[in-house]
Amino acid sequence: MIVATNTIRIKSGFADQVAERFKSPKGVQHAPGFVRMELLQTSQEDHDELKVCTTWESREAFEGWVNSDAFKQAHAHARPAGGSAPGAADGAAHSHAQAASAEGSHAHASSEGGTSAQQPPGGGIMLGSTLSVHEVVFSTGRND
């Protein structure tokens, strides 16, 4: 099992607007091997940050989603709620796709490095994003 974490840096004050987009997933929940998605939010002094954490049965399942037509459609016209900031989530989608193809068909982004995708100059409220993929070594919870 793996967890893919896309850390999205956003201009201060816009995290809620971007987070709203993630409340209605556009197909990821139907992808083979998808387990769950969690969205974490942090406000820092100079920017806001969202961490989109998706859990997958395998790296291959994650790569299958990133390379799928459903992924491309879900991220084709990504806009935060209200549509006022073009590109806010597009860079995040690009970081997923870039990481999945970083080394051929098998990305090896990790907590040590990750794969970064920066928004083009002048592009909306997105400051940049970094994708890291982690192997789940141990997990526990109430139902375990």
N, C-alpha and C. Protein backbone atom coordinates (compact mmCIF):
# COMPACT_ATOMS: atom_id res chain seq x y z
N MET A 1 0.85 -1.17 0.00
CA MET A 1 0.00 0.00 0.00
C MET A 1 0.90 1.23 0.00
N ILE A 2 0.45 2.28 -0.70
CA ILE A 2 1.21 3.53 -0.73
C ILE A 2 0.29 4.71 -0.42
N VAL A 3 0.91 5.81 0.00
CA VAL A 3 0.21 7.08 0.16
C VAL A 3 0.93 8.10 -0.72
N ALA A 4 0.17 8.71 -1.62
CA ALA A 4 0.70 9.79 -2.45
C ALA A 4 0.22 11.10 -1.85
N THR A 5 1.16 11.98 -1.53
CA THR A 5 0.83 13.26 -0.91
C THR A 5 1.24 14.38 -1.85
N ASN A 6 0.26 15.13 -2.31
CA ASN A 6 0.51 16.29 -3.14
C ASN A 6 0.39 17.52 -2.25
N THR A 7 1.52 18.17 -1.96
CA THR A 7 1.54 19.37 -1.14
C THR A 7 1.44 20.58 -2.06
N ILE A 8 0.34 21.32 -1.91
CA ILE A 8 0.05 22.45 -2.78
C ILE A 8 0.24 23.74 -1.98
N ARG A 9 1.13 24.61 -2.46
CA ARG A 9 1.35 25.90 -1.83
C ARG A 9 0.49 26.94 -2.56
N ILE A 10 -0.26 27.72 -1.76
CA ILE A 10 -1.26 28.64 -2.29
C ILE A 10 -1.04 30.00 -1.64
N LYS A 11 -1.37 31.06 -2.37
CA LYS A 11 -1.29 32.40 -1.78
C LYS A 11 -2.13 32.44 -0.51
N SER A 12 -1.64 33.15 0.50
CA SER A 12 -2.34 33.27 1.78
C SER A 12 -3.79 33.72 1.58
N GLY A 13 -4.68 33.08 2.32
CA GLY A 13 -6.08 33.44 2.29
C GLY A 13 -6.93 32.72 1.26
N PHE A 14 -6.32 31.88 0.42
CA PHE A 14 -7.07 31.21 -0.64
C PHE A 14 -7.24 29.71 -0.44
N ALA A 15 -6.74 29.15 0.66
CA ALA A 15 -6.80 27.70 0.86
C ALA A 15 -8.24 27.18 0.91
N ASP A 16 -9.12 27.90 1.59
CA ASP A 16 -10.52 27.44 1.68
C ASP A 16 -11.15 27.37 0.29
N GLN A 17 -10.85 28.34 -0.54
CA GLN A 17 -11.40 28.40 -1.89
C GLN A 17 -10.92 27.20 -2.72
N VAL A 18 -9.64 26.88 -2.63
CA VAL A 18 -9.10 25.75 -3.38
C VAL A 18 -9.59 24.44 -2.77
N ALA A 19 -9.64 24.35 -1.44
CA ALA A 19 -10.08 23.13 -0.76
C ALA A 19 -11.50 22.74 -1.15
N GLU A 20 -12.32 23.72 -1.43
CA GLU A 20 -13.71 23.46 -1.81
C GLU A 20 -13.80 22.52 -3.02
N ARG A 21 -12.84 22.63 -3.95
CA ARG A 21 -12.82 21.77 -5.14
C ARG A 21 -12.72 20.30 -4.81
N PHE A 22 -12.07 19.98 -3.70
CA PHE A 22 -11.80 18.58 -3.37
C PHE A 22 -12.98 17.89 -2.68
N LYS A 23 -14.02 18.65 -2.34
CA LYS A 23 -15.18 18.06 -1.66
C LYS A 23 -16.01 17.18 -2.59
N SER A 24 -15.88 17.39 -3.88
CA SER A 24 -16.59 16.58 -4.88
C SER A 24 -15.58 15.96 -5.83
N PRO A 25 -15.00 14.82 -5.45
CA PRO A 25 -13.99 14.19 -6.31
C PRO A 25 -14.56 13.91 -7.69
N LYS A 26 -13.69 13.98 -8.68
CA LYS A 26 -14.11 13.83 -10.08
C LYS A 26 -13.68 12.49 -10.65
N GLY A 27 -13.84 11.41 -9.90
CA GLY A 27 -13.58 10.09 -10.45
C GLY A 27 -12.53 9.28 -9.73
N VAL A 28 -11.69 9.92 -8.94
CA VAL A 28 -10.62 9.17 -8.27
C VAL A 28 -11.19 8.05 -7.40
N GLN A 29 -12.35 8.28 -6.80
CA GLN A 29 -12.94 7.28 -5.91
C GLN A 29 -13.34 6.00 -6.63
N HIS A 30 -13.40 6.05 -7.96
CA HIS A 30 -13.75 4.87 -8.76
C HIS A 30 -12.53 4.20 -9.39
N ALA A 31 -11.36 4.77 -9.20
CA ALA A 31 -10.15 4.23 -9.83
C ALA A 31 -9.78 2.89 -9.20
N PRO A 32 -9.38 1.92 -10.00
CA PRO A 32 -8.93 0.64 -9.46
C PRO A 32 -7.76 0.84 -8.50
N GLY A 33 -7.86 0.24 -7.33
CA GLY A 33 -6.80 0.32 -6.35
C GLY A 33 -6.87 1.52 -5.42
N PHE A 34 -7.82 2.44 -5.64
CA PHE A 34 -7.98 3.60 -4.76
C PHE A 34 -8.55 3.14 -3.42
N VAL A 35 -8.01 3.66 -2.32
CA VAL A 35 -8.49 3.31 -0.98
C VAL A 35 -9.20 4.49 -0.34
N ARG A 36 -8.54 5.66 -0.27
CA ARG A 36 -9.17 6.83 0.36
C ARG A 36 -8.39 8.09 -0.01
N MET A 37 -9.05 9.24 0.25
CA MET A 37 -8.41 10.54 0.07
C MET A 37 -8.68 11.38 1.30
N GLU A 38 -7.65 12.08 1.74
CA GLU A 38 -7.79 13.02 2.85
C GLU A 38 -7.17 14.34 2.41
N LEU A 39 -7.78 15.46 2.85
CA LEU A 39 -7.26 16.78 2.54
C LEU A 39 -6.88 17.46 3.85
N LEU A 40 -5.62 17.83 3.97
CA LEU A 40 -5.11 18.50 5.17
C LEU A 40 -4.81 19.95 4.82
N GLN A 41 -5.10 20.87 5.75
CA GLN A 41 -4.90 22.29 5.47
C GLN A 41 -4.08 22.94 6.58
N THR A 42 -3.14 23.79 6.18
CA THR A 42 -2.30 24.53 7.12
C THR A 42 -2.17 25.96 6.60
N SER A 43 -2.31 26.92 7.51
CA SER A 43 -2.05 28.32 7.16
C SER A 43 -0.71 28.70 7.76
N GLN A 44 0.20 29.13 6.91
CA GLN A 44 1.51 29.56 7.37
C GLN A 44 1.61 31.07 7.20
N GLU A 45 2.70 31.65 7.68
CA GLU A 45 2.86 33.09 7.65
C GLU A 45 2.81 33.66 6.23
N ASP A 46 3.52 33.03 5.31
CA ASP A 46 3.66 33.59 3.98
C ASP A 46 2.83 32.90 2.90
N HIS A 47 2.17 31.79 3.24
CA HIS A 47 1.34 31.08 2.27
C HIS A 47 0.45 30.07 2.99
N ASP A 48 -0.54 29.58 2.28
CA ASP A 48 -1.38 28.48 2.78
C ASP A 48 -0.89 27.20 2.13
N GLU A 49 -1.24 26.08 2.74
CA GLU A 49 -0.80 24.80 2.21
C GLU A 49 -1.92 23.78 2.33
N LEU A 50 -2.14 23.03 1.25
CA LEU A 50 -3.05 21.90 1.26
C LEU A 50 -2.24 20.66 0.96
N LYS A 51 -2.51 19.58 1.68
CA LYS A 51 -1.90 18.29 1.40
C LYS A 51 -3.03 17.35 1.00
N VAL A 52 -2.98 16.92 -0.26
CA VAL A 52 -3.96 15.96 -0.77
C VAL A 52 -3.31 14.59 -0.63
N CYS A 53 -3.82 13.80 0.32
CA CYS A 53 -3.23 12.48 0.61
C CYS A 53 -4.16 11.41 0.07
N THR A 54 -3.68 10.66 -0.91
CA THR A 54 -4.47 9.55 -1.45
C THR A 54 -3.76 8.25 -1.13
N THR A 55 -4.53 7.28 -0.67
CA THR A 55 -4.00 5.96 -0.34
C THR A 55 -4.41 5.00 -1.45
N TRP A 56 -3.44 4.18 -1.87
CA TRP A 56 -3.62 3.25 -2.98
C TRP A 56 -3.14 1.87 -2.59
N GLU A 57 -3.74 0.85 -3.19
CA GLU A 57 -3.32 -0.53 -2.94
C GLU A 57 -1.89 -0.78 -3.40
N SER A 58 -1.44 -0.03 -4.43
CA SER A 58 -0.08 -0.23 -4.95
C SER A 58 0.35 1.01 -5.73
N ARG A 59 1.63 1.12 -5.97
CA ARG A 59 2.17 2.20 -6.81
C ARG A 59 1.59 2.09 -8.22
N GLU A 60 1.44 0.86 -8.71
CA GLU A 60 0.89 0.65 -10.05
C GLU A 60 -0.53 1.19 -10.15
N ALA A 61 -1.33 1.01 -9.09
CA ALA A 61 -2.69 1.53 -9.10
C ALA A 61 -2.68 3.06 -9.18
N PHE A 62 -1.80 3.69 -8.41
CA PHE A 62 -1.67 5.15 -8.45
C PHE A 62 -1.24 5.62 -9.84
N GLU A 63 -0.23 4.98 -10.39
CA GLU A 63 0.25 5.34 -11.72
C GLU A 63 -0.83 5.13 -12.78
N GLY A 64 -1.64 4.08 -12.59
CA GLY A 64 -2.75 3.83 -13.51
C GLY A 64 -3.74 4.98 -13.49
N TRP A 65 -4.04 5.51 -12.30
CA TRP A 65 -4.95 6.65 -12.18
C TRP A 65 -4.35 7.89 -12.85
N VAL A 66 -3.10 8.19 -12.55
CA VAL A 66 -2.46 9.39 -13.08
C VAL A 66 -2.38 9.35 -14.60
N ASN A 67 -2.25 8.18 -15.17
CA ASN A 67 -2.14 8.04 -16.63
C ASN A 67 -3.48 7.79 -17.31
N SER A 68 -4.57 7.79 -16.55
CA SER A 68 -5.88 7.46 -17.11
C SER A 68 -6.55 8.67 -17.76
N ASP A 69 -7.48 8.38 -18.66
CA ASP A 69 -8.29 9.44 -19.27
C ASP A 69 -9.14 10.13 -18.21
N ALA A 70 -9.61 9.37 -17.21
CA ALA A 70 -10.43 9.96 -16.14
C ALA A 70 -9.63 11.01 -15.37
N PHE A 71 -8.35 10.75 -15.11
CA PHE A 71 -7.50 11.73 -14.43
C PHE A 71 -7.37 12.99 -15.28
N LYS A 72 -7.10 12.80 -16.56
CA LYS A 72 -6.94 13.95 -17.46
C LYS A 72 -8.21 14.79 -17.51
N GLN A 73 -9.37 14.12 -17.56
CA GLN A 73 -10.64 14.84 -17.59
C GLN A 73 -10.89 15.57 -16.28
N ALA A 74 -10.58 14.92 -15.16
CA ALA A 74 -10.81 15.52 -13.85
C ALA A 74 -9.96 16.77 -13.64
N HIS A 75 -8.81 16.83 -14.29
CA HIS A 75 -7.90 17.95 -14.08
C HIS A 75 -7.82 18.89 -15.28
N ALA A 76 -8.63 18.67 -16.29
CA ALA A 76 -8.54 19.45 -17.53
C ALA A 76 -8.80 20.94 -17.32
N HIS A 77 -9.80 21.27 -16.56
CA HIS A 77 -10.15 22.68 -16.36
C HIS A 77 -10.26 22.95 -14.87
N ALA A 78 -9.27 22.53 -14.12
CA ALA A 78 -9.31 22.69 -12.67
C ALA A 78 -9.36 24.17 -12.30
N ARG A 79 -10.33 24.52 -11.46
CA ARG A 79 -10.50 25.88 -10.97
C ARG A 79 -10.98 25.79 -9.53
N PRO A 80 -10.57 26.71 -8.68
CA PRO A 80 -11.13 26.74 -7.34
C PRO A 80 -12.59 27.17 -7.42
N ALA A 81 -13.36 26.95 -6.35
CA ALA A 81 -14.76 27.34 -6.32
C ALA A 81 -14.88 28.80 -6.72
N GLY A 82 -15.82 29.10 -7.58
CA GLY A 82 -15.98 30.46 -8.06
C GLY A 82 -15.23 30.71 -9.35
N GLY A 83 -14.28 29.87 -9.68
CA GLY A 83 -13.57 29.96 -10.94
C GLY A 83 -12.74 31.21 -11.13
N SER A 84 -12.39 31.91 -10.05
CA SER A 84 -11.72 33.19 -10.21
C SER A 84 -10.21 33.11 -10.35
N ALA A 85 -9.64 31.95 -10.18
CA ALA A 85 -8.18 31.87 -10.22
C ALA A 85 -7.73 30.74 -11.12
N PRO A 86 -7.62 30.98 -12.42
CA PRO A 86 -7.19 29.92 -13.32
C PRO A 86 -5.86 29.33 -12.91
N GLY A 87 -5.76 28.03 -13.05
CA GLY A 87 -4.48 27.39 -12.80
C GLY A 87 -4.21 27.00 -11.37
N ALA A 88 -5.07 27.32 -10.45
CA ALA A 88 -4.78 27.04 -9.05
C ALA A 88 -4.57 25.57 -8.78
N ALA A 89 -5.36 24.73 -9.41
CA ALA A 89 -5.19 23.29 -9.18
C ALA A 89 -4.52 22.59 -10.35
N ASP A 90 -4.39 23.27 -11.49
CA ASP A 90 -3.75 22.65 -12.64
C ASP A 90 -2.32 22.24 -12.35
N GLY A 91 -1.57 23.07 -11.65
CA GLY A 91 -0.19 22.73 -11.31
C GLY A 91 -0.13 21.51 -10.42
N ALA A 92 -1.10 21.36 -9.55
CA ALA A 92 -1.15 20.18 -8.68
C ALA A 92 -1.36 18.93 -9.51
N ALA A 93 -2.24 19.02 -10.49
CA ALA A 93 -2.47 17.87 -11.36
C ALA A 93 -1.21 17.55 -12.14
N HIS A 94 -0.53 18.59 -12.62
CA HIS A 94 0.70 18.37 -13.38
C HIS A 94 1.74 17.69 -12.51
N SER A 95 1.80 18.04 -11.23
CA SER A 95 2.80 17.42 -10.36
C SER A 95 2.53 15.93 -10.22
N HIS A 96 1.26 15.52 -10.15
CA HIS A 96 0.93 14.08 -10.11
C HIS A 96 1.42 13.40 -11.38
N ALA A 97 1.07 13.98 -12.51
CA ALA A 97 1.44 13.37 -13.78
C ALA A 97 2.95 13.35 -13.97
N GLN A 98 3.61 14.43 -13.59
CA GLN A 98 5.06 14.50 -13.74
C GLN A 98 5.73 13.44 -12.87
N ALA A 99 5.24 13.26 -11.65
CA ALA A 99 5.85 12.28 -10.75
C ALA A 99 5.66 10.87 -11.28
N ALA A 100 4.49 10.60 -11.84
CA ALA A 100 4.22 9.25 -12.32
C ALA A 100 5.06 8.90 -13.53
N SER A 101 5.53 9.92 -14.25
CA SER A 101 6.34 9.63 -15.42
C SER A 101 7.79 10.07 -15.24
N ALA A 102 8.18 10.39 -14.03
CA ALA A 102 9.52 10.93 -13.76
C ALA A 102 10.64 10.02 -14.22
N GLU A 103 10.46 8.73 -14.07
CA GLU A 103 11.49 7.78 -14.49
C GLU A 103 10.84 6.69 -15.32
N GLY A 104 10.41 7.06 -16.49
CA GLY A 104 9.70 6.10 -17.34
C GLY A 104 8.30 5.92 -16.78
N SER A 105 7.86 4.68 -16.68
CA SER A 105 6.51 4.44 -16.18
C SER A 105 6.48 4.27 -14.68
N HIS A 106 7.63 4.31 -14.03
CA HIS A 106 7.67 4.14 -12.58
C HIS A 106 8.35 5.32 -11.93
N ALA A 107 7.54 6.15 -11.25
CA ALA A 107 8.11 7.27 -10.52
C ALA A 107 8.69 6.75 -9.22
N HIS A 108 9.72 7.40 -8.76
CA HIS A 108 10.31 7.02 -7.49
C HIS A 108 10.46 8.22 -6.59
N ALA A 109 9.44 9.09 -6.61
CA ALA A 109 9.45 10.22 -5.70
C ALA A 109 9.32 9.67 -4.29
N SER A 110 9.95 10.33 -3.34
CA SER A 110 9.91 9.84 -1.98
C SER A 110 9.89 10.99 -1.01
N SER A 111 9.79 10.68 0.26
CA SER A 111 9.78 11.71 1.28
C SER A 111 11.10 12.47 1.29
N GLU A 112 12.17 11.86 0.83
CA GLU A 112 13.46 12.55 0.81
C GLU A 112 13.50 13.60 -0.29
N GLY A 113 12.87 13.33 -1.41
CA GLY A 113 12.99 14.25 -2.54
C GLY A 113 11.65 14.73 -3.02
N GLY A 114 10.89 13.85 -3.60
CA GLY A 114 9.62 14.24 -4.17
C GLY A 114 9.82 14.83 -5.54
N THR A 115 8.73 15.15 -6.17
CA THR A 115 8.76 15.74 -7.49
C THR A 115 8.02 17.05 -7.41
N SER A 116 8.60 18.10 -7.91
CA SER A 116 8.02 19.42 -7.79
C SER A 116 7.56 19.93 -9.14
N ALA A 117 6.42 20.60 -9.15
CA ALA A 117 5.93 21.26 -10.36
C ALA A 117 5.58 22.68 -9.98
N GLN A 118 6.16 23.63 -10.64
CA GLN A 118 5.89 25.03 -10.34
C GLN A 118 4.88 25.58 -11.33
N GLN A 119 4.03 26.47 -10.85
CA GLN A 119 3.07 27.15 -11.71
C GLN A 119 3.82 28.15 -12.59
N PRO A 120 3.47 28.28 -13.85
CA PRO A 120 4.11 29.26 -14.71
C PRO A 120 3.95 30.67 -14.14
N PRO A 121 4.89 31.59 -14.40
CA PRO A 121 4.81 32.95 -13.87
C PRO A 121 3.48 33.60 -14.23
N GLY A 122 2.92 34.34 -13.27
CA GLY A 122 1.67 35.04 -13.48
C GLY A 122 0.44 34.17 -13.43
N GLY A 123 0.55 32.93 -13.01
CA GLY A 123 -0.56 32.00 -13.06
C GLY A 123 -1.33 31.87 -11.77
N GLY A 124 -2.39 32.64 -11.58
CA GLY A 124 -3.34 32.44 -10.50
C GLY A 124 -2.78 32.48 -9.10
N ILE A 125 -3.40 31.71 -8.21
CA ILE A 125 -3.06 31.72 -6.79
C ILE A 125 -2.14 30.57 -6.40
N MET A 126 -1.86 29.70 -7.34
CA MET A 126 -1.00 28.54 -7.10
C MET A 126 0.45 28.98 -7.02
N LEU A 127 1.14 28.65 -5.93
CA LEU A 127 2.55 28.99 -5.79
C LEU A 127 3.45 27.84 -6.19
N GLY A 128 2.92 26.62 -6.16
CA GLY A 128 3.71 25.45 -6.54
C GLY A 128 3.19 24.22 -5.83
N SER A 129 3.74 23.08 -6.18
CA SER A 129 3.31 21.84 -5.54
C SER A 129 4.45 20.84 -5.58
N THR A 130 4.39 19.92 -4.64
CA THR A 130 5.38 18.85 -4.55
C THR A 130 4.65 17.54 -4.28
N LEU A 131 5.00 16.52 -5.02
CA LEU A 131 4.40 15.21 -4.81
C LEU A 131 5.41 14.30 -4.15
N SER A 132 4.98 13.60 -3.12
CA SER A 132 5.82 12.56 -2.51
C SER A 132 5.00 11.29 -2.41
N VAL A 133 5.65 10.16 -2.64
CA VAL A 133 4.98 8.87 -2.59
C VAL A 133 5.67 8.03 -1.53
N HIS A 134 4.88 7.50 -0.61
CA HIS A 134 5.42 6.77 0.54
C HIS A 134 4.84 5.37 0.61
N GLU A 135 5.65 4.40 0.90
CA GLU A 135 5.17 3.05 1.14
C GLU A 135 4.67 2.98 2.58
N VAL A 136 3.48 2.41 2.77
CA VAL A 136 2.94 2.23 4.12
C VAL A 136 3.64 1.02 4.73
N VAL A 137 4.35 1.25 5.81
CA VAL A 137 5.08 0.20 6.50
C VAL A 137 4.25 -0.39 7.62
N PHE A 138 3.46 0.46 8.27
CA PHE A 138 2.66 0.04 9.41
C PHE A 138 1.46 0.97 9.52
N SER A 139 0.32 0.43 9.90
CA SER A 139 -0.88 1.23 10.08
C SER A 139 -1.70 0.62 11.21
N THR A 140 -2.33 1.46 11.99
CA THR A 140 -3.23 0.98 13.03
C THR A 140 -4.39 1.95 13.14
N GLY A 141 -5.46 1.49 13.71
CA GLY A 141 -6.65 2.32 13.88
C GLY A 141 -7.63 1.63 14.80
N ARG A 142 -8.77 2.23 14.98
CA ARG A 142 -9.78 1.68 15.89
C ARG A 142 -10.26 0.30 15.47
N ASN A 143 -10.33 0.06 14.16
CA ASN A 143 -10.87 -1.21 13.67
C ASN A 143 -9.81 -2.28 13.45
N ASP A 144 -8.55 -1.98 13.78
CA ASP A 144 -7.47 -2.95 13.56
C ASP A 144 -7.34 -3.91 14.72
